[in-house]
C-alpha cells in the first residue's frame, strides 16, 4: 500500500518559537526548482524580491484539507503580512503583487525557510491599505496570500546569511 506509515515521532525539546521575519516573492512563471532530499536547493537563475517584516506582525499557516467522502487531500497555505507605512512606491509594487501568481519563500524565527505556491502559485486573496484612527494604530498594508497545493509546504533549508542565500541560482533583492 502506497500510504503505509514509515516512522514514529518522539516528544521534541522546547527550543522553537513562532513568527516569521521575512518573505521572498518569485513569479511562478519564472520558478524552476531543484531538490536535494526533498529540500529546495536551487532554482534556475531568477531574481525575486525580499520583504523584511516587523516582529510579531505576520504569520504562515498550513491547513490540511481532507475529504473522506471524495478520498482527497490538499494543503492550503495562508500567508498573512502586515507591511507598515504607506507610500506611492509601495502602492505600485503591491498592485503588481495583487496581479501575480507567486512562489513565496518564508523565513521563520527558527531560521527555517518554507516554500508555498510551488505548483499552483500563491495569490493575494484579501487585504487593504490602512491609515488607522488613533496615533498608535496600524498605518500600512495588510495582505493575505493563499496557496492550495497537492503536497505540503516544502523546506528550503537554513539561509547562510539573508533569506534565500542558501538557494543556488536565487537572488532576492532587498527593499529600500
Protein backbone atom coordinates (compact mmCIF):
# COMPACT_ATOMS: atom_id res chain seq x y z
CA UNK A 1 0.00 0.00 0.00
CA UNK A 2 1.46 3.38 -1.02
CA UNK A 3 0.40 5.18 2.15
CA UNK A 4 1.92 2.87 4.79
CA UNK A 5 3.31 4.72 7.81
CA UNK A 6 7.11 4.82 7.96
CA UNK A 7 8.14 6.44 11.27
CA UNK A 8 7.14 7.45 14.76
CA UNK A 9 7.81 10.76 16.48
CA UNK A 10 9.31 11.49 19.89
CA UNK A 11 8.39 14.50 22.01
CA UNK A 12 10.65 17.33 20.88
CA UNK A 13 12.65 19.75 23.04
CA UNK A 14 11.13 23.11 23.87
CA UNK A 15 13.53 25.11 21.72
CA UNK A 16 11.45 26.70 18.97
CA UNK A 17 9.47 29.94 18.68
CA UNK A 18 6.68 31.22 16.48
CA UNK A 19 6.60 34.00 13.93
CA UNK A 20 8.15 34.92 10.62
CA UNK A 21 10.65 37.66 9.87
CA UNK A 22 10.99 37.84 6.09
CA UNK A 23 9.35 36.69 2.88
CA UNK A 24 10.69 36.44 -0.65
CA UNK A 25 8.47 36.62 -3.73
CA UNK A 26 9.23 34.94 -7.06
CA UNK A 27 6.89 34.97 -10.04
CA UNK A 28 5.55 31.43 -10.53
CA UNK A 29 6.24 31.51 -14.28
CA UNK A 30 9.99 32.00 -13.59
CA UNK A 31 10.31 29.29 -10.92
CA UNK A 32 12.16 26.11 -11.93
CA UNK A 33 13.22 24.27 -8.74
CA UNK A 34 15.71 21.50 -7.96
CA UNK A 35 15.54 19.48 -4.75
CA UNK A 36 18.05 17.61 -2.64
CA UNK A 37 16.38 15.06 -0.32
CA UNK A 38 13.03 16.89 -0.63
CA UNK A 39 14.60 20.25 0.33
CA UNK A 40 14.68 23.10 -2.19
CA UNK A 41 18.36 23.51 -3.07
CA UNK A 42 18.46 25.51 -6.29
CA UNK A 43 16.38 27.27 -8.92
CA UNK A 44 17.05 28.30 -12.47
CA UNK A 45 18.62 31.73 -12.36
CA UNK A 46 15.88 34.03 -11.11
CA UNK A 47 15.55 37.30 -9.26
CA UNK A 48 12.86 37.72 -6.63
CA UNK A 49 12.15 40.35 -4.03
CA UNK A 50 12.62 40.17 -0.27
CA UNK A 51 10.41 41.90 2.26
CA UNK A 52 11.53 42.28 5.87
CA UNK A 53 8.71 42.00 8.39
CA UNK A 54 8.21 43.67 11.75
CA UNK A 55 8.43 41.32 14.72
CA UNK A 56 5.10 39.70 15.60
CA UNK A 57 3.26 41.19 12.62
CA UNK A 58 2.92 38.33 10.14
CA UNK A 59 2.20 34.60 10.05
CA UNK A 60 2.22 31.44 7.94
CA UNK A 61 -0.29 28.64 8.46
CA UNK A 62 -0.90 25.41 6.59
CA UNK A 63 -4.31 23.74 6.88
CA UNK A 64 -4.85 20.12 5.89
CA UNK A 65 -7.97 19.87 3.72
CA UNK A 66 -9.26 16.29 3.77
CA UNK A 67 -12.42 14.91 2.17
CA UNK A 68 -13.22 11.45 3.48
CA UNK A 69 -16.13 11.19 1.03
CA UNK A 70 -14.03 12.06 -2.02
CA UNK A 71 -10.77 10.43 -0.88
CA UNK A 72 -8.81 13.63 -1.47
CA UNK A 73 -6.23 15.62 0.45
CA UNK A 74 -4.75 19.02 -0.30
CA UNK A 75 -2.88 21.65 1.65
CA UNK A 76 -3.97 25.27 2.00
CA UNK A 77 -1.18 27.65 2.95
CA UNK A 78 -2.11 31.10 4.22
CA UNK A 79 0.48 33.85 4.50
CA UNK A 80 -0.68 36.96 6.35
CA UNK A 81 1.53 40.05 6.05
CA UNK A 82 1.48 43.46 7.65
CA UNK A 83 3.72 45.96 5.88
CA UNK A 84 4.00 49.19 7.83
CA UNK A 85 3.81 52.63 6.25
CA UNK A 86 2.16 53.74 3.03
CA UNK A 87 3.98 55.18 0.00
CA UNK A 88 3.42 55.71 -3.70
CA UNK A 89 6.28 53.28 -4.49
CA UNK A 90 4.86 50.56 -2.23
CA UNK A 91 1.37 51.15 -3.64
CA UNK A 92 2.61 50.43 -7.16
CA UNK A 93 4.53 47.30 -6.09
CA UNK A 94 1.60 45.92 -4.09
CA UNK A 95 -0.61 46.46 -7.13
CA UNK A 96 1.79 44.13 -9.01
CA UNK A 97 1.67 41.55 -6.16
CA UNK A 98 -2.13 41.54 -6.45
CA UNK A 99 -1.92 40.65 -10.15
CA UNK A 100 0.62 37.81 -9.86
CA UNK A 101 0.79 34.13 -9.03
CA UNK A 102 3.74 33.83 -6.70
CA UNK A 103 6.09 31.38 -5.10
CA UNK A 104 6.80 32.59 -1.57
CA UNK A 105 9.84 31.71 0.49
CA UNK A 106 9.12 32.38 4.14
CA UNK A 107 11.87 32.71 6.77
CA UNK A 108 10.65 31.88 10.26
CA UNK A 109 12.14 32.87 13.60
CA UNK A 110 13.84 29.46 13.92
CA UNK A 111 15.97 30.10 10.79
CA UNK A 112 13.88 27.67 8.74
CA UNK A 113 12.67 28.58 5.27
CA UNK A 114 9.40 27.28 3.85
CA UNK A 115 8.14 27.45 0.26
CA UNK A 116 4.48 27.87 -0.64
CA UNK A 117 2.80 28.10 -4.03
CA UNK A 118 5.34 25.92 -5.87
CA UNK A 119 2.89 24.40 -8.35
CA UNK A 120 -0.29 26.49 -8.41
CA UNK A 121 1.11 29.73 -7.03
CA UNK A 122 0.12 31.82 -4.06
CA UNK A 123 -2.24 34.69 -4.73
CA UNK A 124 -3.32 37.70 -2.73
CA UNK A 125 -6.95 36.99 -1.81
CA UNK A 126 -7.65 39.90 0.54
CA UNK A 127 -6.09 42.91 2.17
CA UNK A 128 -6.09 46.64 2.11
CA UNK A 129 -4.40 49.90 2.94
CA UNK A 130 -4.96 51.22 6.45
CA UNK A 131 -4.45 54.64 7.96
CA UNK A 132 -5.95 53.89 11.37
CA UNK A 133 -7.79 56.18 13.73
CA UNK A 134 -5.51 56.80 16.71
CA UNK A 135 -1.85 57.76 16.76
CA UNK A 136 -0.83 54.23 17.77
CA UNK A 137 -2.95 52.46 15.13
CA UNK A 138 -1.54 50.42 12.27
CA UNK A 139 -0.58 52.52 9.24
CA UNK A 140 0.28 50.40 6.21
CA UNK A 141 -0.74 47.43 4.08
CA UNK A 142 -2.42 44.23 5.22
CA UNK A 143 -2.19 41.32 2.74
CA UNK A 144 -3.38 37.72 2.83
CA UNK A 145 -1.98 35.26 0.28
CA UNK A 146 -3.33 31.74 -0.16
CA UNK A 147 -1.85 28.75 -1.98
CA UNK A 148 -3.56 25.41 -2.50
CA UNK A 149 -1.19 22.57 -3.27
CA UNK A 150 -1.26 18.78 -3.61
CA UNK A 151 1.76 18.46 -1.29
CA UNK A 152 2.65 20.19 1.99
CA UNK A 153 4.86 23.27 2.06
CA UNK A 154 8.44 22.38 1.31
CA UNK A 155 11.54 23.14 3.34
CA UNK A 156 14.10 25.42 1.75
CA UNK A 157 16.71 24.77 4.42
CA UNK A 158 18.51 27.37 6.50
CA UNK A 159 19.87 30.55 4.93
CA UNK A 160 23.61 31.14 5.14
CA UNK A 161 23.07 34.88 5.59
CA UNK A 162 19.87 36.54 4.37
CA UNK A 163 16.63 34.93 3.20
CA UNK A 164 17.23 32.62 0.23
CA UNK A 165 21.03 32.92 0.42
CA UNK A 166 21.45 29.12 0.55
CA UNK A 167 19.44 28.51 -2.64
CA UNK A 168 21.69 28.33 -5.69
CA UNK A 169 20.51 30.46 -8.62
CA UNK A 170 18.23 32.65 -6.50
CA UNK A 171 18.77 36.35 -5.92
CA UNK A 172 16.30 38.04 -3.59
CA UNK A 173 16.70 41.78 -3.96
CA UNK A 174 16.24 43.58 -0.67
CA UNK A 175 13.92 46.52 -0.38
CA UNK A 176 14.88 50.10 0.23
